[in-house]
Amino acid sequence: MPSLHNKLLFPLLLLLSLSAQAETRVAIIVNSSNTQDITLQDVGNIYKDRIITWDNNEKIDVYNLPSAVQAREVFSRTLLGMGARSAAAEESNRRITNTSRNPQLLKRERLVLLSVASNKNAIGYINASHLGQKKGIKVLFFIE
């Protein structure tokens, strides 16, 4: 028979997990020199490998986070309509079948921030709490 402690612990852990997910605010970022007019739909299409160049025909460098990172889960569910692991599997499948037109670069959040700040053709997303006062980036959207 479960103890009272176990009966109370599971709902508490579940509540903490759900509130942590609800509080994850994701910033979609580009280099500050980027003057493109980009919609949320465009961002989704970039990450779905449907849009691979900017309007000036330069290749988009797409930065993605590891699937275990909560910001990727929020991003994937909101913009791609699937969980982070499913999105990672689709990207992997495109590479394996040689149908990926613009392979994504996998980086940790801090490196996504630095990479986008130093690359005029880059797009990425990070947990908004990592933004700080970083120069060289422009926030396109916040999603939760």
N, C-alpha and C. Protein backbone atom coordinates (compact mmCIF):
# COMPACT_ATOMS: atom_id res chain seq x y z
N MET A 1 0.84 -1.18 0.00
CA MET A 1 0.00 0.00 0.00
C MET A 1 0.88 1.25 0.00
N PRO A 2 0.63 2.21 -0.91
CA PRO A 2 1.45 3.41 -0.95
C PRO A 2 1.32 4.24 0.33
N SER A 3 2.42 4.80 0.73
CA SER A 3 2.40 5.65 1.92
C SER A 3 1.79 7.01 1.58
N LEU A 4 1.38 7.71 2.61
CA LEU A 4 0.84 9.06 2.44
C LEU A 4 1.88 9.96 1.79
N HIS A 5 3.13 9.74 2.16
CA HIS A 5 4.24 10.53 1.59
C HIS A 5 4.28 10.37 0.07
N ASN A 6 4.20 9.12 -0.42
CA ASN A 6 4.24 8.86 -1.86
C ASN A 6 3.00 9.41 -2.56
N LYS A 7 1.85 9.34 -1.90
CA LYS A 7 0.62 9.85 -2.50
C LYS A 7 0.69 11.36 -2.70
N LEU A 8 1.37 12.04 -1.82
CA LEU A 8 1.50 13.50 -1.92
C LEU A 8 2.67 13.91 -2.81
N LEU A 9 3.70 13.11 -2.84
CA LEU A 9 4.90 13.47 -3.58
C LEU A 9 4.68 13.49 -5.09
N PHE A 10 4.02 12.48 -5.64
CA PHE A 10 3.81 12.41 -7.09
C PHE A 10 3.04 13.62 -7.62
N PRO A 11 1.88 13.98 -7.04
CA PRO A 11 1.17 15.17 -7.56
C PRO A 11 2.00 16.45 -7.44
N LEU A 12 2.79 16.55 -6.38
CA LEU A 12 3.63 17.74 -6.21
C LEU A 12 4.69 17.80 -7.30
N LEU A 13 5.34 16.68 -7.58
CA LEU A 13 6.36 16.65 -8.64
C LEU A 13 5.74 16.94 -10.00
N LEU A 14 4.56 16.40 -10.25
CA LEU A 14 3.87 16.66 -11.51
C LEU A 14 3.54 18.14 -11.65
N LEU A 15 3.05 18.75 -10.60
CA LEU A 15 2.72 20.17 -10.62
C LEU A 15 3.97 21.02 -10.86
N LEU A 16 5.07 20.69 -10.21
CA LEU A 16 6.32 21.43 -10.42
C LEU A 16 6.80 21.29 -11.85
N SER A 17 6.70 20.10 -12.41
CA SER A 17 7.11 19.87 -13.79
C SER A 17 6.26 20.68 -14.76
N LEU A 18 4.96 20.67 -14.58
CA LEU A 18 4.06 21.42 -15.46
C LEU A 18 4.28 22.92 -15.35
N SER A 19 4.51 23.42 -14.13
CA SER A 19 4.71 24.86 -13.99
C SER A 19 6.06 25.27 -14.58
N ALA A 20 7.08 24.40 -14.53
CA ALA A 20 8.36 24.71 -15.15
C ALA A 20 8.19 24.80 -16.66
N GLN A 21 7.39 23.89 -17.25
CA GLN A 21 7.15 23.94 -18.68
C GLN A 21 6.38 25.20 -19.05
N ALA A 22 5.40 25.56 -18.25
CA ALA A 22 4.56 26.72 -18.54
C ALA A 22 5.37 28.02 -18.46
N GLU A 23 6.42 28.01 -17.65
CA GLU A 23 7.20 29.23 -17.46
C GLU A 23 8.34 29.38 -18.46
N THR A 24 8.55 28.41 -19.31
CA THR A 24 9.64 28.50 -20.27
C THR A 24 9.25 29.46 -21.38
N ARG A 25 9.93 30.56 -21.43
CA ARG A 25 9.71 31.58 -22.46
C ARG A 25 10.88 31.49 -23.42
N VAL A 26 10.58 31.31 -24.68
CA VAL A 26 11.61 31.10 -25.69
C VAL A 26 11.72 32.34 -26.57
N ALA A 27 12.96 32.76 -26.81
CA ALA A 27 13.23 33.89 -27.70
C ALA A 27 13.76 33.35 -29.02
N ILE A 28 13.12 33.74 -30.12
CA ILE A 28 13.60 33.40 -31.45
C ILE A 28 14.46 34.57 -31.89
N ILE A 29 15.72 34.28 -32.25
CA ILE A 29 16.69 35.34 -32.49
C ILE A 29 17.36 35.23 -33.86
N VAL A 30 17.77 36.39 -34.37
CA VAL A 30 18.59 36.49 -35.57
C VAL A 30 19.71 37.48 -35.27
N ASN A 31 20.64 37.57 -36.16
CA ASN A 31 21.71 38.54 -36.04
C ASN A 31 21.12 39.94 -36.14
N SER A 32 21.67 40.89 -35.41
CA SER A 32 21.12 42.25 -35.39
C SER A 32 21.17 42.94 -36.74
N SER A 33 22.02 42.49 -37.64
CA SER A 33 22.08 43.10 -38.98
C SER A 33 21.00 42.56 -39.92
N ASN A 34 20.24 41.58 -39.50
CA ASN A 34 19.21 40.97 -40.33
C ASN A 34 18.02 41.93 -40.44
N THR A 35 17.66 42.29 -41.66
CA THR A 35 16.55 43.23 -41.89
C THR A 35 15.34 42.54 -42.52
N GLN A 36 15.35 41.22 -42.57
CA GLN A 36 14.25 40.46 -43.14
C GLN A 36 12.94 40.71 -42.38
N ASP A 37 11.86 40.64 -43.10
CA ASP A 37 10.53 40.67 -42.49
C ASP A 37 10.12 39.21 -42.33
N ILE A 38 10.20 38.69 -41.11
CA ILE A 38 10.01 37.27 -40.85
C ILE A 38 8.77 37.05 -39.98
N THR A 39 7.93 36.13 -40.40
CA THR A 39 6.74 35.77 -39.61
C THR A 39 7.04 34.50 -38.82
N LEU A 40 6.17 34.20 -37.86
CA LEU A 40 6.30 32.94 -37.13
C LEU A 40 6.18 31.75 -38.07
N GLN A 41 5.31 31.88 -39.06
CA GLN A 41 5.16 30.81 -40.05
C GLN A 41 6.46 30.60 -40.82
N ASP A 42 7.15 31.70 -41.16
CA ASP A 42 8.44 31.60 -41.83
C ASP A 42 9.44 30.83 -40.95
N VAL A 43 9.46 31.15 -39.66
CA VAL A 43 10.38 30.46 -38.75
C VAL A 43 10.10 28.96 -38.75
N GLY A 44 8.83 28.60 -38.65
CA GLY A 44 8.48 27.19 -38.71
C GLY A 44 8.93 26.54 -40.00
N ASN A 45 8.74 27.23 -41.12
CA ASN A 45 9.16 26.69 -42.42
C ASN A 45 10.67 26.59 -42.56
N ILE A 46 11.39 27.49 -41.92
CA ILE A 46 12.86 27.39 -41.91
C ILE A 46 13.27 26.12 -41.18
N TYR A 47 12.67 25.87 -40.02
CA TYR A 47 13.03 24.68 -39.24
C TYR A 47 12.45 23.39 -39.82
N LYS A 48 11.47 23.50 -40.70
CA LYS A 48 10.94 22.31 -41.40
C LYS A 48 11.69 22.07 -42.71
N ASP A 49 12.71 22.88 -42.98
CA ASP A 49 13.56 22.74 -44.17
C ASP A 49 12.82 23.12 -45.45
N ARG A 50 11.83 23.98 -45.33
CA ARG A 50 11.07 24.44 -46.51
C ARG A 50 11.61 25.76 -47.05
N ILE A 51 12.14 26.60 -46.17
CA ILE A 51 12.79 27.85 -46.56
C ILE A 51 14.26 27.68 -46.19
N ILE A 52 15.15 27.85 -47.18
CA ILE A 52 16.57 27.61 -46.90
C ILE A 52 17.45 28.82 -47.17
N THR A 53 16.87 29.88 -47.77
CA THR A 53 17.66 31.09 -48.02
C THR A 53 16.87 32.32 -47.59
N TRP A 54 17.61 33.38 -47.30
CA TRP A 54 16.99 34.67 -47.02
C TRP A 54 16.57 35.30 -48.35
N ASP A 55 15.89 36.41 -48.29
CA ASP A 55 15.45 37.09 -49.52
C ASP A 55 16.61 37.46 -50.45
N ASN A 56 17.80 37.66 -49.88
CA ASN A 56 18.97 38.01 -50.69
C ASN A 56 19.67 36.77 -51.27
N ASN A 57 19.03 35.61 -51.15
CA ASN A 57 19.52 34.31 -51.65
C ASN A 57 20.72 33.76 -50.89
N GLU A 58 21.04 34.32 -49.73
CA GLU A 58 22.10 33.75 -48.91
C GLU A 58 21.52 32.63 -48.05
N LYS A 59 22.29 31.56 -47.89
CA LYS A 59 21.85 30.40 -47.12
C LYS A 59 21.60 30.78 -45.66
N ILE A 60 20.52 30.27 -45.11
CA ILE A 60 20.20 30.49 -43.69
C ILE A 60 20.96 29.46 -42.87
N ASP A 61 21.69 29.91 -41.87
CA ASP A 61 22.34 29.01 -40.93
C ASP A 61 21.39 28.80 -39.76
N VAL A 62 20.88 27.59 -39.65
CA VAL A 62 19.82 27.26 -38.69
C VAL A 62 20.42 26.58 -37.47
N TYR A 63 20.26 27.21 -36.31
CA TYR A 63 20.77 26.66 -35.06
C TYR A 63 19.63 26.07 -34.25
N ASN A 64 19.85 24.86 -33.77
CA ASN A 64 18.86 24.14 -33.01
C ASN A 64 19.46 23.71 -31.68
N LEU A 65 18.61 23.42 -30.71
CA LEU A 65 19.04 22.97 -29.40
C LEU A 65 18.88 21.45 -29.29
N PRO A 66 19.61 20.83 -28.37
CA PRO A 66 19.41 19.40 -28.13
C PRO A 66 17.96 19.11 -27.71
N SER A 67 17.47 17.94 -28.05
CA SER A 67 16.05 17.64 -27.81
C SER A 67 15.69 17.56 -26.33
N ALA A 68 16.67 17.39 -25.45
CA ALA A 68 16.38 17.32 -24.01
C ALA A 68 16.19 18.70 -23.37
N VAL A 69 16.48 19.76 -24.09
CA VAL A 69 16.38 21.12 -23.55
C VAL A 69 14.92 21.57 -23.61
N GLN A 70 14.41 22.10 -22.51
CA GLN A 70 13.00 22.49 -22.42
C GLN A 70 12.63 23.54 -23.47
N ALA A 71 13.54 24.46 -23.79
CA ALA A 71 13.23 25.48 -24.80
C ALA A 71 12.96 24.83 -26.15
N ARG A 72 13.65 23.73 -26.46
CA ARG A 72 13.39 23.05 -27.73
C ARG A 72 12.01 22.42 -27.72
N GLU A 73 11.59 21.87 -26.59
CA GLU A 73 10.26 21.27 -26.50
C GLU A 73 9.19 22.33 -26.75
N VAL A 74 9.33 23.48 -26.11
CA VAL A 74 8.36 24.57 -26.30
C VAL A 74 8.37 25.03 -27.76
N PHE A 75 9.55 25.24 -28.31
CA PHE A 75 9.69 25.68 -29.70
C PHE A 75 9.05 24.66 -30.65
N SER A 76 9.40 23.40 -30.49
CA SER A 76 8.91 22.35 -31.39
C SER A 76 7.39 22.20 -31.31
N ARG A 77 6.86 22.20 -30.12
CA ARG A 77 5.40 22.05 -29.97
C ARG A 77 4.66 23.25 -30.55
N THR A 78 5.19 24.45 -30.31
CA THR A 78 4.51 25.67 -30.75
C THR A 78 4.61 25.88 -32.26
N LEU A 79 5.80 25.74 -32.81
CA LEU A 79 6.01 26.08 -34.23
C LEU A 79 6.00 24.90 -35.19
N LEU A 80 6.32 23.72 -34.69
CA LEU A 80 6.42 22.57 -35.59
C LEU A 80 5.26 21.59 -35.39
N GLY A 81 4.50 21.80 -34.32
CA GLY A 81 3.34 20.95 -34.06
C GLY A 81 3.68 19.55 -33.61
N MET A 82 4.86 19.37 -33.02
CA MET A 82 5.28 18.06 -32.53
C MET A 82 6.29 18.25 -31.40
N GLY A 83 6.52 17.20 -30.66
CA GLY A 83 7.49 17.25 -29.57
C GLY A 83 8.92 17.36 -30.10
N ALA A 84 9.82 17.70 -29.22
CA ALA A 84 11.23 17.89 -29.59
C ALA A 84 11.85 16.61 -30.13
N ARG A 85 11.55 15.49 -29.54
CA ARG A 85 12.12 14.22 -30.01
C ARG A 85 11.61 13.86 -31.41
N SER A 86 10.34 14.12 -31.66
CA SER A 86 9.79 13.86 -33.00
C SER A 86 10.42 14.78 -34.04
N ALA A 87 10.60 16.04 -33.67
CA ALA A 87 11.24 17.00 -34.59
C ALA A 87 12.68 16.58 -34.87
N ALA A 88 13.40 16.13 -33.83
CA ALA A 88 14.77 15.68 -34.02
C ALA A 88 14.81 14.44 -34.91
N ALA A 89 13.83 13.55 -34.75
CA ALA A 89 13.77 12.35 -35.58
C ALA A 89 13.51 12.71 -37.04
N GLU A 90 12.64 13.68 -37.28
CA GLU A 90 12.37 14.12 -38.66
C GLU A 90 13.63 14.72 -39.30
N GLU A 91 14.35 15.56 -38.54
CA GLU A 91 15.59 16.15 -39.05
C GLU A 91 16.61 15.05 -39.35
N SER A 92 16.73 14.10 -38.45
CA SER A 92 17.66 12.99 -38.64
C SER A 92 17.27 12.16 -39.87
N ASN A 93 15.99 11.93 -40.04
CA ASN A 93 15.51 11.17 -41.19
C ASN A 93 15.82 11.89 -42.51
N ARG A 94 15.69 13.21 -42.51
CA ARG A 94 16.04 13.98 -43.72
C ARG A 94 17.52 13.81 -44.06
N ARG A 95 18.37 13.78 -43.03
CA ARG A 95 19.81 13.60 -43.27
C ARG A 95 20.10 12.19 -43.79
N ILE A 96 19.49 11.20 -43.15
CA ILE A 96 19.74 9.80 -43.53
C ILE A 96 19.29 9.54 -44.97
N THR A 97 18.14 10.10 -45.34
CA THR A 97 17.60 9.86 -46.68
C THR A 97 18.15 10.85 -47.71
N ASN A 98 19.08 11.68 -47.26
CA ASN A 98 19.72 12.67 -48.13
C ASN A 98 18.71 13.63 -48.77
N THR A 99 17.66 13.97 -48.01
CA THR A 99 16.67 14.93 -48.50
C THR A 99 16.74 16.26 -47.76
N SER A 100 17.68 16.38 -46.84
CA SER A 100 17.84 17.63 -46.09
C SER A 100 18.49 18.66 -47.01
N ARG A 101 17.79 19.77 -47.21
CA ARG A 101 18.32 20.82 -48.07
C ARG A 101 19.19 21.80 -47.30
N ASN A 102 18.95 21.91 -46.00
CA ASN A 102 19.70 22.85 -45.17
C ASN A 102 19.85 22.26 -43.77
N PRO A 103 20.84 21.40 -43.57
CA PRO A 103 21.00 20.75 -42.26
C PRO A 103 21.15 21.77 -41.12
N GLN A 104 20.52 21.44 -40.01
CA GLN A 104 20.56 22.31 -38.84
C GLN A 104 21.81 22.03 -38.02
N LEU A 105 22.28 23.06 -37.35
CA LEU A 105 23.46 22.96 -36.50
C LEU A 105 23.00 22.86 -35.06
N LEU A 106 23.42 21.82 -34.37
CA LEU A 106 23.00 21.57 -33.00
C LEU A 106 24.00 22.18 -32.03
N LYS A 107 23.53 23.05 -31.16
CA LYS A 107 24.40 23.74 -30.20
C LYS A 107 23.67 23.89 -28.86
N ARG A 108 24.44 24.11 -27.82
CA ARG A 108 23.86 24.46 -26.51
C ARG A 108 23.40 25.92 -26.58
N GLU A 109 22.53 26.31 -25.64
CA GLU A 109 21.93 27.65 -25.69
C GLU A 109 22.97 28.77 -25.72
N ARG A 110 23.97 28.67 -24.90
CA ARG A 110 24.99 29.74 -24.87
C ARG A 110 25.69 29.85 -26.23
N LEU A 111 25.95 28.70 -26.85
CA LEU A 111 26.62 28.72 -28.15
C LEU A 111 25.69 29.18 -29.27
N VAL A 112 24.40 28.90 -29.16
CA VAL A 112 23.44 29.42 -30.13
C VAL A 112 23.48 30.95 -30.08
N LEU A 113 23.44 31.49 -28.89
CA LEU A 113 23.46 32.94 -28.70
C LEU A 113 24.73 33.55 -29.32
N LEU A 114 25.88 32.97 -29.03
CA LEU A 114 27.15 33.48 -29.57
C LEU A 114 27.22 33.31 -31.09
N SER A 115 26.75 32.17 -31.59
CA SER A 115 26.80 31.90 -33.03
C SER A 115 25.92 32.85 -33.81
N VAL A 116 24.71 33.10 -33.32
CA VAL A 116 23.79 34.01 -34.01
C VAL A 116 24.35 35.44 -33.97
N ALA A 117 24.94 35.82 -32.84
CA ALA A 117 25.50 37.17 -32.72
C ALA A 117 26.66 37.40 -33.68
N SER A 118 27.36 36.34 -34.06
CA SER A 118 28.52 36.51 -34.93
C SER A 118 28.28 36.09 -36.38
N ASN A 119 27.05 35.72 -36.72
CA ASN A 119 26.76 35.23 -38.07
C ASN A 119 25.54 35.94 -38.64
N LYS A 120 25.74 36.76 -39.65
CA LYS A 120 24.65 37.58 -40.20
C LYS A 120 23.53 36.76 -40.84
N ASN A 121 23.78 35.50 -41.16
CA ASN A 121 22.76 34.66 -41.80
C ASN A 121 22.12 33.66 -40.86
N ALA A 122 22.35 33.80 -39.57
CA ALA A 122 21.91 32.80 -38.60
C ALA A 122 20.53 33.10 -38.03
N ILE A 123 19.87 32.01 -37.63
CA ILE A 123 18.63 32.07 -36.86
C ILE A 123 18.72 30.99 -35.79
N GLY A 124 18.15 31.28 -34.65
CA GLY A 124 18.16 30.31 -33.56
C GLY A 124 17.10 30.67 -32.54
N TYR A 125 17.07 29.92 -31.48
CA TYR A 125 16.14 30.20 -30.38
C TYR A 125 16.79 29.72 -29.09
N ILE A 126 16.46 30.39 -28.01
CA ILE A 126 17.01 30.05 -26.70
C ILE A 126 15.97 30.37 -25.64
N ASN A 127 16.19 29.85 -24.45
CA ASN A 127 15.37 30.26 -23.32
C ASN A 127 15.61 31.75 -23.11
N ALA A 128 14.56 32.53 -23.00
CA ALA A 128 14.69 33.98 -22.89
C ALA A 128 15.52 34.41 -21.68
N SER A 129 15.60 33.56 -20.68
CA SER A 129 16.40 33.91 -19.49
C SER A 129 17.89 34.00 -19.82
N HIS A 130 18.32 33.47 -20.96
CA HIS A 130 19.73 33.51 -21.36
C HIS A 130 20.07 34.75 -22.20
N LEU A 131 19.10 35.58 -22.49
CA LEU A 131 19.35 36.73 -23.36
C LEU A 131 20.33 37.73 -22.78
N GLY A 132 20.09 38.15 -21.57
CA GLY A 132 20.96 39.15 -20.96
C GLY A 132 21.06 40.40 -21.82
N GLN A 133 22.22 40.98 -21.88
CA GLN A 133 22.47 42.19 -22.68
C GLN A 133 23.33 41.87 -23.89
N LYS A 134 23.16 40.71 -24.47
CA LYS A 134 24.01 40.28 -25.58
C LYS A 134 23.86 41.19 -26.78
N LYS A 135 24.97 41.69 -27.25
CA LYS A 135 24.97 42.53 -28.45
C LYS A 135 25.07 41.63 -29.67
N GLY A 136 24.57 42.13 -30.78
CA GLY A 136 24.69 41.40 -32.02
C GLY A 136 23.48 40.54 -32.36
N ILE A 137 22.47 40.55 -31.49
CA ILE A 137 21.26 39.76 -31.78
C ILE A 137 20.03 40.63 -31.76
N LYS A 138 19.01 40.13 -32.45
CA LYS A 138 17.71 40.80 -32.46
C LYS A 138 16.66 39.72 -32.17
N VAL A 139 15.77 40.00 -31.23
CA VAL A 139 14.71 39.06 -30.91
C VAL A 139 13.56 39.30 -31.87
N LEU A 140 13.18 38.24 -32.57
CA LEU A 140 12.04 38.32 -33.49
C LEU A 140 10.72 38.11 -32.77
N PHE A 141 10.68 37.06 -31.95
CA PHE A 141 9.46 36.68 -31.25
C PHE A 141 9.80 36.04 -29.91
N PHE A 142 8.82 36.12 -29.02
CA PHE A 142 8.84 35.33 -27.79
C PHE A 142 7.67 34.37 -27.88
N ILE A 143 7.91 33.11 -27.51
CA ILE A 143 6.83 32.14 -27.46
C ILE A 143 6.88 31.43 -26.11
N GLU A 144 5.74 30.91 -25.70
CA GLU A 144 5.67 30.17 -24.42
C GLU A 144 4.94 28.87 -24.62
